[in-house]
Amino acid sequence: MDKSHRRTIFVCQHCGKESLKWLGCCPNCQQWNTFVETTVTTPVTSSHPLSMENTPQELSQVVTGVADRFPLPLDEFNRVLGGGLVSGSLGLIGGDPGIGKSTLLLQVSALVAQAQGKVVYVSGEETLHQIKLRSERLGVKGENLYLLAETDLEAILNQIEQLQPRLVTIDSIQAVCLPGLDTAPGSITQVRECTMRLMHWAKLNAVPIFIAGHVTKDGAIAGPRVLEHIVDVVLYLEGEPFSTYRLLRCVKNRFGSTNEVGVFEMREQGLVEVNNPSQTFLSQRSTEAIGSAVVPTLEGSRPLLVEIQALTNPTSFGLPRRTANGIDFGRLLLITAVLSKRVGLKLGNQDIIANVTGGLRIGEPAADLGIALAIASSFRDVGVDPELVVMGEVGLSGELRAVSHLDRRVAEAARLGFKRCLVPKRGATVAAKDIELIPVSTLREAVRVGLVGGKARGSEEL
């Protein structure tokens, strides 16, 4: 019999730090008024072993079987996971409300049930009838897919212990609770202890578990940061509210790469894979548009061609405005300053709006040259060569720095029919087929070459 005892502590609701007394400011996350008095019971999960064999074993003697990982019927999901689900793994998927987390998890559960065997889908936020209505809309038949509407984690573990499924889905971790804890569902203590119990059960039974997590207003998964340390895989489902495209991004993966991205499109029948995202994102691009440049970005190991648009307009206020959608605001300010100082574009009285089409978000510096060329194109009212793609990092002195994996980016541009590629001179040693590489060393030279008719107008303007 467990001899657990109760104690009263104060827990930070932002980062999960515990304290024996109330503190106004959390010394860990520097947030004010986040400590809440909580009565907790000594966790019973700490005594549970992760393996039935408690003796040390030599690494070279550990045997892995072919059944330790099985692929999912969704190729985009497999790409993000690194090849499929690992037996006994615990995955966490987060995203904004209404982004499609429950839809994606129900689709994956149904596909695994159809291909592998029994799957248990546990919902603490919907009734069985509500899940049935959603499954009919998605066209999910549901053979071998068992639904359970329950919030008591003890009851959930008892049910899945009897069924012995191939996959368990919990939607969501903030809705389930342990009755032995005197805290409300969704609290720091409940979320942490429930996740620990699920992790131990998954490891001991070699059954993968997916849990959905709510996010805060900052976009991070709600609950203590220790929640992300417990699980094996952390996925984020991203997308703009006005866009139908969704990106499944991996930020932690103990069994594969952490930078892979899966692309989906939200339709009436649910999330549908986008097999050729570059062509999809450029399908509505106008070849005669002014202030538009195409950039080969790299999401994990996959090159994606995206369109970056910019618009400049004389400001009506005292201070010009800068607006960035899909790119870092600081990078936009940096590139604008370099264009003004090193290239000679008088942008001090111009409102500048930069946007990445398709609702994507680009974080790598290789897109700097595309942003700069789009701004220069809009300011000069001259289009960019429609058969040209650009890439390069812009330095503060106006120089262009090399980008990584140039060969993959160039090959993707050539596959989609582009004829020329503007690249930094440093590192431009790739042997390209069906596409011409144009190496440039400075941003001034890139603007002169990239704009249509730029060579003719030449250096007196630029």
Protein backbone atom coordinates (compact mmCIF):
# COMPACT_ATOMS: atom_id res chain seq x y z
CA MET A 1 0.00 0.00 0.00
CA ASP A 2 1.30 3.44 -0.88
CA LYS A 3 2.12 5.64 2.10
CA SER A 4 1.72 8.92 0.28
CA HIS A 5 1.35 12.12 2.24
CA ARG A 6 -0.12 15.50 1.47
CA ARG A 7 1.74 18.76 1.47
CA THR A 8 0.97 22.35 0.52
CA ILE A 9 3.24 24.15 -1.92
CA PHE A 10 3.06 27.12 -4.26
CA VAL A 11 3.37 26.38 -7.99
CA CYS A 12 4.11 28.88 -10.76
CA GLN A 13 1.37 28.60 -13.35
CA HIS A 14 3.72 29.73 -16.12
CA CYS A 15 6.80 27.53 -15.77
CA GLY A 16 5.86 25.01 -13.04
CA LYS A 17 8.48 26.03 -10.45
CA GLU A 18 7.59 24.93 -6.93
CA SER A 19 8.16 26.96 -3.77
CA LEU A 20 7.42 26.38 -0.09
CA LYS A 21 6.18 29.97 0.24
CA TRP A 22 4.38 32.46 -1.96
CA LEU A 23 6.58 34.65 -4.16
CA GLY A 24 5.53 37.76 -6.03
CA CYS A 25 7.94 37.22 -8.93
CA CYS A 26 8.96 33.79 -10.13
CA PRO A 27 12.78 33.51 -10.00
CA ASN A 28 12.71 31.01 -12.88
CA CYS A 29 10.57 32.70 -15.57
CA GLN A 30 10.45 36.25 -14.12
CA GLN A 31 6.64 36.36 -14.30
CA TRP A 32 4.66 38.23 -11.63
CA ASN A 33 1.75 36.92 -9.55
CA THR A 34 1.83 33.41 -11.02
CA PHE A 35 2.25 31.37 -7.82
CA VAL A 36 -0.89 29.51 -6.71
CA GLU A 37 -1.28 27.53 -3.49
CA THR A 38 -1.66 23.84 -4.29
CA THR A 39 -2.16 20.75 -2.13
CA VAL A 40 -0.39 17.79 -3.67
CA THR A 41 0.09 14.15 -2.86
CA THR A 42 3.44 12.46 -3.22
CA PRO A 43 3.40 11.13 -6.82
CA VAL A 44 3.09 7.40 -7.16
CA THR A 45 4.59 7.38 -10.66
CA SER A 46 8.16 7.90 -9.55
CA SER A 47 8.42 4.30 -8.32
CA HIS A 48 7.31 2.78 -11.61
CA PRO A 49 10.21 1.36 -13.67
CA LEU A 50 10.52 2.15 -17.36
CA SER A 51 11.54 -1.41 -18.10
CA MET A 52 10.73 -4.79 -16.65
CA GLU A 53 14.51 -5.45 -16.53
CA ASN A 54 16.09 -3.26 -13.86
CA THR A 55 19.64 -4.60 -14.28
CA PRO A 56 22.11 -2.66 -16.45
CA GLN A 57 22.50 -4.02 -19.96
CA GLU A 58 25.34 -3.41 -22.41
CA LEU A 59 24.33 -1.19 -25.31
CA SER A 60 25.76 -3.58 -27.90
CA GLN A 61 23.56 -6.37 -26.52
CA VAL A 62 20.28 -4.46 -26.80
CA VAL A 63 18.20 -5.91 -29.64
CA THR A 64 15.69 -3.90 -31.65
CA GLY A 65 13.05 -5.54 -33.79
CA VAL A 66 11.37 -4.52 -37.02
CA ALA A 67 8.15 -3.95 -35.09
CA ASP A 68 9.74 -1.16 -33.04
CA ARG A 69 8.64 1.37 -35.68
CA PHE A 70 5.68 1.18 -38.03
CA PRO A 71 4.90 3.71 -40.77
CA LEU A 72 1.67 5.68 -40.86
CA PRO A 73 -0.54 5.79 -43.97
CA LEU A 74 0.14 9.57 -44.18
CA ASP A 75 3.47 10.29 -45.90
CA GLU A 76 3.61 13.87 -44.63
CA PHE A 77 3.13 12.67 -41.06
CA ASN A 78 5.83 10.02 -41.55
CA ARG A 79 8.23 12.67 -42.81
CA VAL A 80 7.78 14.72 -39.64
CA LEU A 81 8.11 11.70 -37.33
CA GLY A 82 11.24 10.47 -39.07
CA GLY A 83 9.77 7.39 -40.75
CA GLY A 84 6.86 6.33 -38.56
CA LEU A 85 5.70 5.74 -35.00
CA VAL A 86 8.11 4.18 -32.52
CA SER A 87 6.63 1.62 -30.14
CA GLY A 88 6.26 3.01 -26.64
CA SER A 89 6.77 6.62 -27.72
CA LEU A 90 4.78 9.53 -26.29
CA GLY A 91 3.97 12.32 -28.73
CA LEU A 92 2.55 15.76 -28.00
CA ILE A 93 0.79 17.85 -30.65
CA GLY A 94 -0.17 21.46 -30.01
CA GLY A 95 -1.78 24.26 -31.97
CA ASP A 96 -4.19 27.15 -31.82
CA PRO A 97 -7.89 26.41 -31.18
CA GLY A 98 -9.64 25.34 -34.37
CA ILE A 99 -6.40 24.75 -36.27
CA GLY A 100 -7.23 21.05 -36.82
CA LYS A 101 -5.50 19.07 -34.03
CA SER A 102 -8.52 16.87 -33.25
CA THR A 103 -9.23 16.40 -36.96
CA LEU A 104 -5.69 15.27 -37.68
CA LEU A 105 -5.58 12.93 -34.68
CA LEU A 106 -8.92 11.33 -35.59
CA GLN A 107 -7.76 10.81 -39.18
CA VAL A 108 -4.46 9.27 -38.07
CA SER A 109 -6.23 7.05 -35.53
CA ALA A 110 -8.67 5.78 -38.15
CA LEU A 111 -5.89 5.05 -40.66
CA VAL A 112 -3.79 3.18 -38.08
CA ALA A 113 -6.86 1.20 -36.97
CA GLN A 114 -7.50 0.20 -40.57
CA ALA A 115 -3.90 -0.85 -41.22
CA GLN A 116 -2.52 -2.05 -37.86
CA GLY A 117 -5.38 -3.06 -35.53
CA LYS A 118 -7.14 -1.68 -32.47
CA VAL A 119 -6.83 2.03 -31.71
CA VAL A 120 -8.35 3.82 -28.70
CA TYR A 121 -9.38 7.46 -29.13
CA VAL A 122 -10.00 9.11 -25.75
CA SER A 123 -11.78 12.46 -25.64
CA GLY A 124 -12.24 14.51 -22.51
CA GLU A 125 -13.89 17.41 -24.32
CA GLU A 126 -16.42 15.75 -26.67
CA THR A 127 -19.14 13.16 -26.31
CA LEU A 128 -19.27 10.02 -28.43
CA HIS A 129 -22.09 11.48 -30.53
CA GLN A 130 -20.06 14.62 -31.28
CA ILE A 131 -17.07 12.55 -32.35
CA LYS A 132 -19.36 10.46 -34.53
CA LEU A 133 -20.67 13.57 -36.28
CA ARG A 134 -17.11 14.71 -36.97
CA SER A 135 -16.12 11.27 -38.25
CA GLU A 136 -19.05 11.25 -40.70
CA ARG A 137 -17.94 14.62 -42.06
CA LEU A 138 -14.40 13.27 -42.47
CA GLY A 139 -15.57 10.02 -44.06
CA VAL A 140 -14.10 7.89 -41.25
CA LYS A 141 -15.82 4.51 -41.00
CA GLY A 142 -14.20 3.48 -37.73
CA GLU A 143 -13.46 -0.24 -37.90
CA ASN A 144 -11.14 -1.18 -35.00
CA LEU A 145 -11.37 2.40 -33.73
CA TYR A 146 -12.69 2.47 -30.15
CA LEU A 147 -14.00 5.73 -28.70
CA LEU A 148 -13.91 6.58 -25.01
CA ALA A 149 -15.33 9.77 -23.49
CA GLU A 150 -13.60 9.91 -20.11
CA THR A 151 -11.55 12.34 -18.01
CA ASP A 152 -10.48 10.03 -15.17
CA LEU A 153 -6.99 8.83 -16.07
CA GLU A 154 -7.24 5.76 -13.85
CA ALA A 155 -10.36 4.63 -15.71
CA ILE A 156 -8.69 5.39 -19.04
CA LEU A 157 -5.64 3.28 -18.21
CA ASN A 158 -7.86 0.39 -17.06
CA GLN A 159 -9.80 0.42 -20.33
CA ILE A 160 -6.77 0.56 -22.62
CA GLU A 161 -5.07 -2.12 -20.51
CA GLN A 162 -7.94 -4.49 -21.35
CA LEU A 163 -8.05 -3.64 -25.07
CA GLN A 164 -4.25 -3.67 -25.68
CA PRO A 165 -4.45 -1.35 -28.72
CA ARG A 166 -1.78 -0.49 -31.27
CA LEU A 167 -2.18 3.24 -30.68
CA VAL A 168 -3.78 5.47 -28.02
CA THR A 169 -4.89 9.07 -28.63
CA ILE A 170 -5.70 11.45 -25.76
CA ASP A 171 -7.58 14.66 -26.63
CA SER A 172 -6.55 16.60 -24.65
CA ILE A 173 -4.04 16.31 -21.81
CA GLN A 174 -5.55 19.37 -20.07
CA ALA A 175 -8.94 17.60 -19.85
CA VAL A 176 -7.85 14.42 -18.04
CA CYS A 177 -7.07 14.27 -14.34
CA LEU A 178 -5.98 11.98 -11.53
CA PRO A 179 -8.60 11.72 -8.73
CA GLY A 180 -5.90 11.38 -6.08
CA LEU A 181 -4.68 14.94 -6.64
CA ASP A 182 -6.59 17.79 -5.00
CA THR A 183 -6.13 20.13 -7.95
CA ALA A 184 -8.39 21.02 -10.85
CA PRO A 185 -7.98 19.45 -14.31
CA GLY A 186 -5.56 21.46 -16.44
CA SER A 187 -3.51 22.67 -13.49
CA ILE A 188 0.26 22.40 -13.46
CA THR A 189 0.31 19.41 -11.11
CA GLN A 190 -2.43 17.50 -12.96
CA VAL A 191 -0.87 17.99 -16.39
CA ARG A 192 2.55 16.90 -15.22
CA GLU A 193 1.43 13.85 -13.27
CA CYS A 194 -0.99 12.65 -15.96
CA THR A 195 1.74 12.92 -18.58
CA MET A 196 4.12 10.94 -16.38
CA ARG A 197 1.55 8.17 -15.89
CA LEU A 198 0.91 7.98 -19.63
CA MET A 199 4.63 7.92 -20.35
CA HIS A 200 5.24 5.01 -17.96
CA TRP A 201 2.31 3.05 -19.37
CA ALA A 202 3.49 3.59 -22.97
CA LYS A 203 7.04 2.44 -22.19
CA LEU A 204 5.97 -0.66 -20.24
CA ASN A 205 3.42 -1.80 -22.84
CA ALA A 206 5.33 -0.69 -25.98
CA VAL A 207 2.26 1.16 -27.26
CA PRO A 208 2.65 4.66 -28.78
CA ILE A 209 0.46 7.43 -27.38
CA PHE A 210 -0.48 10.76 -28.93
CA ILE A 211 -1.74 13.54 -26.69
CA ALA A 212 -3.14 16.90 -27.78
CA GLY A 213 -2.20 20.01 -25.83
CA HIS A 214 -3.70 23.46 -25.61
CA VAL A 215 -1.51 26.46 -26.33
CA THR A 216 -1.14 29.79 -24.57
CA LYS A 217 -1.67 33.21 -26.14
CA ASP A 218 2.04 33.24 -27.01
CA GLY A 219 1.65 30.05 -29.06
CA ALA A 220 3.52 27.75 -26.63
CA ILE A 221 1.98 24.58 -25.26
CA ALA A 222 0.12 25.34 -22.04
CA GLY A 223 1.49 23.90 -18.83
CA PRO A 224 5.01 23.67 -17.43
CA ARG A 225 7.99 23.37 -19.76
CA VAL A 226 8.69 20.03 -18.09
CA LEU A 227 5.73 18.67 -20.09
CA GLU A 228 7.75 19.00 -23.29
CA HIS A 229 10.76 17.40 -21.57
CA ILE A 230 8.74 14.31 -20.60
CA VAL A 231 7.40 13.43 -24.04
CA ASP A 232 9.46 11.96 -26.88
CA VAL A 233 8.01 14.01 -29.76
CA VAL A 234 6.63 17.56 -29.80
CA LEU A 235 4.68 18.67 -32.87
CA TYR A 236 3.03 21.99 -33.65
CA LEU A 237 0.21 22.39 -36.15
CA GLU A 238 0.53 25.89 -37.59
CA GLY A 239 -1.40 27.98 -40.08
CA GLU A 240 -2.95 31.36 -40.62
CA PRO A 241 -6.69 31.66 -39.85
CA PHE A 242 -7.44 32.88 -43.38
CA SER A 243 -5.37 30.18 -45.08
CA THR A 244 -6.39 26.60 -45.82
CA TYR A 245 -2.81 25.31 -45.54
CA ARG A 246 -1.46 23.79 -42.35
CA LEU A 247 2.15 23.05 -41.44
CA LEU A 248 2.97 20.21 -39.05
CA ARG A 249 6.30 21.21 -37.56
CA CYS A 250 8.49 19.05 -35.32
CA VAL A 251 10.42 20.87 -32.59
CA LYS A 252 11.54 17.79 -30.62
CA ASN A 253 12.07 14.23 -31.78
CA ARG A 254 14.13 11.65 -29.93
CA PHE A 255 13.91 9.27 -32.89
CA GLY A 256 14.52 11.52 -35.89
CA SER A 257 15.16 14.98 -37.24
CA THR A 258 13.74 18.00 -35.43
CA ASN A 259 13.37 20.29 -38.46
CA GLU A 260 11.02 18.36 -40.73
CA VAL A 261 7.73 19.89 -41.85
CA GLY A 262 4.57 18.29 -43.23
CA VAL A 263 2.20 20.30 -45.41
CA PHE A 264 -1.57 19.73 -45.34
CA GLU A 265 -4.60 21.47 -46.79
CA MET A 266 -7.84 21.79 -44.83
CA ARG A 267 -10.84 20.67 -46.87
CA GLU A 268 -14.37 19.42 -46.13
CA GLN A 269 -13.08 15.86 -45.76
CA GLY A 270 -10.38 16.95 -43.30
CA LEU A 271 -6.66 17.50 -43.71
CA VAL A 272 -5.33 16.38 -47.08
CA GLU A 273 -1.64 15.92 -47.86
CA VAL A 274 0.05 18.39 -50.19
CA ASN A 275 2.52 16.28 -52.17
CA ASN A 276 4.04 19.17 -54.16
CA PRO A 277 3.90 22.20 -51.86
CA SER A 278 6.20 24.39 -53.97
CA GLN A 279 3.92 24.16 -56.99
CA THR A 280 0.88 24.70 -54.78
CA PHE A 281 2.24 27.86 -53.17
CA LEU A 282 3.22 29.33 -56.56
CA SER A 283 0.04 28.30 -58.41
CA GLN A 284 -1.58 31.75 -58.09
CA ARG A 285 1.57 33.75 -58.75
CA SER A 286 1.40 36.39 -61.46
CA THR A 287 4.50 36.56 -63.65
CA GLU A 288 3.94 40.28 -64.27
CA ALA A 289 3.53 41.27 -60.61
CA ILE A 290 5.66 44.10 -59.25
CA GLY A 291 7.15 43.70 -55.80
CA SER A 292 7.26 39.91 -55.95
CA ALA A 293 10.23 37.53 -55.69
CA VAL A 294 10.49 33.74 -55.47
CA VAL A 295 12.78 32.26 -52.80
CA PRO A 296 13.79 28.60 -52.35
CA THR A 297 13.58 28.06 -48.59
CA LEU A 298 14.52 24.93 -46.71
CA GLU A 299 12.17 23.34 -44.17
CA GLY A 300 14.14 20.50 -42.64
CA SER A 301 15.44 18.48 -45.58
CA ARG A 302 12.70 19.67 -47.96
CA PRO A 303 13.19 22.68 -50.25
CA LEU A 304 10.07 24.85 -50.69
CA LEU A 305 9.66 27.62 -53.24
CA VAL A 306 7.62 30.48 -51.80
CA GLU A 307 6.62 33.89 -53.08
CA ILE A 308 7.55 36.97 -51.09
CA GLN A 309 5.63 40.15 -51.83
CA ALA A 310 6.39 43.71 -50.77
CA LEU A 311 4.58 47.02 -51.14
CA THR A 312 6.04 50.48 -50.59
CA ASN A 313 3.95 53.63 -50.42
CA PRO A 314 4.65 57.20 -49.25
CA THR A 315 3.57 57.51 -45.65
CA SER A 316 0.66 59.70 -44.59
CA PHE A 317 1.98 60.02 -41.04
CA GLY A 318 5.10 61.43 -39.46
CA LEU A 319 6.76 58.06 -38.98
CA PRO A 320 6.65 55.39 -41.72
CA ARG A 321 5.11 52.05 -40.81
CA ARG A 322 6.70 48.62 -41.23
CA THR A 323 4.47 45.53 -41.40
CA ALA A 324 5.76 41.96 -41.66
CA ASN A 325 3.56 38.91 -42.30
CA GLY A 326 5.34 35.56 -42.34
CA ILE A 327 8.83 37.00 -41.78
CA ASP A 328 10.64 38.29 -38.73
CA PHE A 329 9.97 41.96 -38.08
CA GLY A 330 13.58 42.54 -37.04
CA ARG A 331 14.86 41.14 -40.35
CA LEU A 332 12.56 43.50 -42.25
CA LEU A 333 13.99 46.50 -40.37
CA LEU A 334 17.54 45.28 -41.02
CA ILE A 335 16.99 44.78 -44.75
CA THR A 336 15.24 48.14 -45.08
CA ALA A 337 18.18 49.88 -43.40
CA VAL A 338 20.71 48.14 -45.66
CA LEU A 339 18.71 49.08 -48.77
CA SER A 340 18.66 52.70 -47.66
CA LYS A 341 22.31 52.95 -46.62
CA ARG A 342 24.15 50.63 -49.02
CA VAL A 343 21.94 50.59 -52.11
CA GLY A 344 20.75 54.20 -51.98
CA LEU A 345 17.00 53.64 -51.99
CA LYS A 346 15.27 56.49 -50.17
CA LEU A 347 12.89 54.47 -47.98
CA GLY A 348 12.81 56.85 -45.03
CA ASN A 349 9.38 58.21 -45.99
CA GLN A 350 7.90 54.93 -47.23
CA ASP A 351 5.44 52.57 -45.56
CA ILE A 352 6.70 49.04 -46.22
CA ILE A 353 4.56 45.91 -46.09
CA ALA A 354 6.18 42.49 -46.60
CA ASN A 355 4.18 39.28 -46.89
CA VAL A 356 4.80 35.57 -47.53
CA THR A 357 1.96 34.14 -49.61
CA GLY A 358 0.12 31.01 -48.54
CA GLY A 359 0.24 31.77 -44.82
CA LEU A 360 3.76 30.40 -44.42
CA ARG A 361 6.33 31.68 -41.95
CA ILE A 362 10.00 31.91 -42.96
CA GLY A 363 12.67 32.13 -40.31
CA GLU A 364 15.91 31.44 -42.14
CA PRO A 365 18.20 34.28 -43.32
CA ALA A 366 18.43 32.81 -46.83
CA ALA A 367 15.22 34.70 -47.64
CA ASP A 368 16.87 38.11 -47.02
CA LEU A 369 17.72 38.67 -50.68
CA GLY A 370 14.17 37.84 -51.77
CA ILE A 371 12.73 40.35 -49.28
CA ALA A 372 15.18 43.02 -50.41
CA LEU A 373 14.51 42.44 -54.10
CA ALA A 374 10.73 42.56 -53.56
CA ILE A 375 11.04 45.90 -51.70
CA ALA A 376 13.31 47.36 -54.39
CA SER A 377 10.94 46.16 -57.12
CA SER A 378 7.95 47.86 -55.50
CA PHE A 379 9.88 51.07 -54.77
CA ARG A 380 11.23 51.36 -58.36
CA ASP A 381 7.91 50.12 -59.80
CA VAL A 382 9.85 47.60 -61.89
CA GLY A 383 9.14 43.87 -61.91
CA VAL A 384 11.51 41.05 -61.05
CA ASP A 385 12.51 38.63 -63.79
CA PRO A 386 9.65 36.03 -63.69
CA GLU A 387 12.05 33.17 -64.47
CA LEU A 388 14.42 34.11 -61.65
CA VAL A 389 14.70 32.75 -58.11
CA VAL A 390 16.88 34.44 -55.50
CA MET A 391 18.52 33.42 -52.23
CA GLY A 392 21.13 34.84 -49.93
CA GLU A 393 21.74 36.33 -46.50
CA VAL A 394 22.21 40.10 -46.40
CA GLY A 395 24.96 41.52 -44.19
CA LEU A 396 24.98 44.97 -42.62
CA SER A 397 27.66 46.20 -45.01
CA GLY A 398 25.57 45.15 -48.01
CA GLU A 399 27.46 41.93 -48.74
CA LEU A 400 25.73 38.66 -49.58
CA ARG A 401 26.59 35.59 -47.53
CA ALA A 402 26.37 31.97 -48.60
CA VAL A 403 23.38 29.76 -47.79
CA SER A 404 23.31 26.10 -46.79
CA HIS A 405 22.23 23.21 -49.06
CA LEU A 406 22.45 25.30 -52.21
CA ASP A 407 22.26 22.23 -54.42
CA ARG A 408 18.83 21.20 -53.09
CA ARG A 409 17.40 24.67 -53.51
CA VAL A 410 18.70 25.04 -57.06
CA ALA A 411 17.46 21.57 -58.05
CA GLU A 412 13.94 22.36 -56.79
CA ALA A 413 13.90 25.64 -58.73
CA ALA A 414 15.02 23.89 -61.90
CA ARG A 415 12.36 21.19 -61.44
CA LEU A 416 9.63 23.84 -61.41
CA GLY A 417 10.87 25.44 -64.62
CA PHE A 418 12.87 28.46 -63.45
CA LYS A 419 15.73 29.38 -65.77
CA ARG A 420 17.97 31.62 -63.64
CA CYS A 421 19.05 31.66 -60.02
CA LEU A 422 20.59 34.64 -58.24
CA VAL A 423 23.00 33.34 -55.60
CA PRO A 424 25.81 34.74 -53.43
CA LYS A 425 29.21 34.52 -55.09
CA ARG A 426 30.67 32.84 -52.03
CA GLY A 427 29.80 29.18 -52.09
CA ALA A 428 28.34 29.22 -55.62
CA THR A 429 30.16 26.04 -56.65
CA VAL A 430 27.13 23.89 -57.47
CA ALA A 431 26.99 22.17 -60.84
CA ALA A 432 23.47 23.09 -61.97
CA LYS A 433 21.52 21.59 -64.86
CA ASP A 434 18.75 23.33 -66.82
CA ILE A 435 19.23 26.51 -64.78
CA GLU A 436 21.75 29.35 -64.96
CA LEU A 437 23.50 30.45 -61.77
CA ILE A 438 24.12 34.20 -61.48
CA PRO A 439 26.64 34.82 -58.67
CA VAL A 440 26.63 38.29 -57.08
CA SER A 441 28.65 39.59 -54.17
CA THR A 442 26.71 42.66 -52.98
CA LEU A 443 23.10 43.65 -52.53
CA ARG A 444 23.56 46.63 -54.87
CA GLU A 445 24.66 44.31 -57.66
CA ALA A 446 21.80 41.89 -56.93
CA VAL A 447 19.20 44.66 -57.20
CA ARG A 448 20.71 45.88 -60.46
CA VAL A 449 20.73 42.40 -62.00
CA GLY A 450 17.46 41.08 -60.58
CA LEU A 451 15.11 43.85 -61.69
CA VAL A 452 13.81 43.76 -65.25
CA GLY A 453 15.75 46.35 -67.23
CA GLY A 454 17.99 46.96 -64.26
CA LYS A 455 21.17 46.63 -66.34
CA ALA A 456 19.94 49.21 -68.82
CA ARG A 457 19.02 51.77 -66.12
CA GLY A 458 22.21 50.76 -64.40
CA SER A 459 24.21 52.34 -61.73
CA GLU A 460 23.03 55.91 -61.79
CA GLU A 461 19.83 54.99 -59.94
CA LEU A 462 21.23 52.12 -57.92
